[in-house]
């Protein structure tokens, strides 16, 4: 494995989480439902493994899962401004990274 702080494989032996990711089973549905959900589960797991490293990049405001313009699964990284984009990787664990300029995101608690 390289010295990169991003996980290199979606099948990594480690997971930076208290519990392994297991998708919720919807009542009344069998294992057949996971045929289409499996890729999303791997993408979500990749997001969780890499979120801390992505959020450590100055100017990154958030990380989520989404799609490219062509409908391919992707990680979405929300940026304070366009100057941050050059510091964000183009791919993480083989998934493309899409960026969105959101400005600074402030959490408001009511």
Protein backbone atom coordinates (compact mmCIF):
# COMPACT_ATOMS: atom_id res chain seq x y z
CA UNK A 1 0.00 0.00 0.00
CA UNK A 2 1.27 3.48 -0.80
CA UNK A 3 1.94 6.21 1.72
CA UNK A 4 -1.26 7.96 0.61
CA UNK A 5 -3.64 8.82 3.42
CA UNK A 6 -6.54 7.61 1.23
CA UNK A 7 -7.49 3.93 1.25
CA UNK A 8 -6.38 2.33 -2.00
CA UNK A 9 -8.77 -0.59 -2.32
CA UNK A 10 -12.52 -0.96 -1.79
CA UNK A 11 -11.65 -4.37 -0.35
CA UNK A 12 -9.22 -3.03 2.27
CA UNK A 13 -8.57 -5.27 5.26
CA UNK A 14 -9.20 -2.44 7.72
CA UNK A 15 -12.12 -0.18 8.38
CA UNK A 16 -12.02 3.11 10.27
CA UNK A 17 -15.32 2.59 12.03
CA UNK A 18 -16.62 1.27 15.31
CA UNK A 19 -18.75 -1.31 13.48
CA UNK A 20 -18.62 -2.86 10.02
CA UNK A 21 -21.06 -1.44 7.50
CA UNK A 22 -24.17 -3.59 7.08
CA UNK A 23 -27.05 -2.21 5.02
CA UNK A 24 -30.41 -2.08 6.78
CA UNK A 25 -32.80 -4.75 5.63
CA UNK A 26 -36.21 -3.37 4.79
CA UNK A 27 -39.04 -5.38 6.33
CA UNK A 28 -40.70 -7.70 3.86
CA UNK A 29 -37.82 -7.78 1.40
CA UNK A 30 -35.35 -10.61 0.98
CA UNK A 31 -31.72 -10.69 -0.03
CA UNK A 32 -32.68 -9.97 -3.65
CA UNK A 33 -32.92 -6.29 -2.77
CA UNK A 34 -29.17 -6.15 -2.26
CA UNK A 35 -28.35 -6.97 -5.88
CA UNK A 36 -28.81 -3.30 -6.81
CA UNK A 37 -27.80 -1.93 -3.39
CA UNK A 38 -24.40 -3.63 -3.19
CA UNK A 39 -22.50 -1.03 -5.25
CA UNK A 40 -23.98 1.79 -3.14
CA UNK A 41 -22.88 -0.07 -0.01
CA UNK A 42 -19.30 -0.24 -1.30
CA UNK A 43 -19.39 3.44 -2.25
CA UNK A 44 -20.72 4.40 1.19
CA UNK A 45 -18.02 2.28 2.84
CA UNK A 46 -15.37 4.04 0.70
CA UNK A 47 -16.82 7.39 1.77
CA UNK A 48 -16.63 6.43 5.42
CA UNK A 49 -13.04 5.16 5.14
CA UNK A 50 -11.85 8.34 3.40
CA UNK A 51 -14.06 11.07 4.86
CA UNK A 52 -11.62 12.04 7.62
CA UNK A 53 -8.72 12.48 5.16
CA UNK A 54 -10.87 14.46 2.71
CA UNK A 55 -12.25 16.70 5.47
CA UNK A 56 -8.66 17.39 6.59
CA UNK A 57 -8.06 19.26 3.31
CA UNK A 58 -8.40 22.97 4.11
CA UNK A 59 -11.51 24.28 2.39
CA UNK A 60 -13.43 21.00 2.19
CA UNK A 61 -16.85 21.55 3.76
CA UNK A 62 -18.39 18.09 3.40
CA UNK A 63 -18.34 14.67 1.73
CA UNK A 64 -21.24 12.57 0.45
CA UNK A 65 -22.09 9.94 -2.14
CA UNK A 66 -23.68 10.81 -5.46
CA UNK A 67 -23.26 10.46 -9.20
CA UNK A 68 -21.31 11.94 -12.07
CA UNK A 69 -23.17 13.74 -14.85
CA UNK A 70 -23.19 10.42 -16.73
CA UNK A 71 -24.82 8.59 -13.82
CA UNK A 72 -21.71 6.78 -12.57
CA UNK A 73 -21.37 6.40 -8.79
CA UNK A 74 -19.07 9.01 -7.28
CA UNK A 75 -17.96 10.64 -4.08
CA UNK A 76 -19.09 14.26 -3.87
CA UNK A 77 -16.83 16.74 -2.07
CA UNK A 78 -18.28 20.12 -1.11
CA UNK A 79 -15.77 22.98 -1.34
CA UNK A 80 -15.61 26.45 0.19
CA UNK A 81 -14.28 27.92 -3.07
CA UNK A 82 -12.83 26.86 -6.41
CA UNK A 83 -9.20 27.22 -5.26
CA UNK A 84 -9.62 24.08 -3.13
CA UNK A 85 -10.43 21.86 -6.13
CA UNK A 86 -6.77 21.35 -7.10
CA UNK A 87 -6.06 19.76 -3.69
CA UNK A 88 -8.87 17.19 -3.98
CA UNK A 89 -8.00 13.83 -5.58
CA UNK A 90 -9.69 12.93 -8.88
CA UNK A 91 -10.41 9.39 -7.65
CA UNK A 92 -10.68 7.65 -4.30
CA UNK A 93 -10.64 3.83 -4.19
CA UNK A 94 -11.44 3.76 -7.91
CA UNK A 95 -14.52 5.98 -7.58
CA UNK A 96 -14.52 9.35 -9.36
CA UNK A 97 -14.66 12.43 -7.15
CA UNK A 98 -17.11 15.16 -8.11
CA UNK A 99 -16.76 18.59 -6.51
CA UNK A 100 -19.39 21.18 -5.72
CA UNK A 101 -18.64 24.77 -4.70
CA UNK A 102 -20.96 25.49 -1.77
CA UNK A 103 -19.20 28.26 0.08
CA UNK A 104 -18.63 27.90 3.80
CA UNK A 105 -21.16 25.63 5.51
CA UNK A 106 -22.07 26.65 9.04
CA UNK A 107 -24.01 24.32 11.30
CA UNK A 108 -26.93 26.08 12.94
CA UNK A 109 -28.46 24.45 15.96
CA UNK A 110 -31.94 25.39 17.01
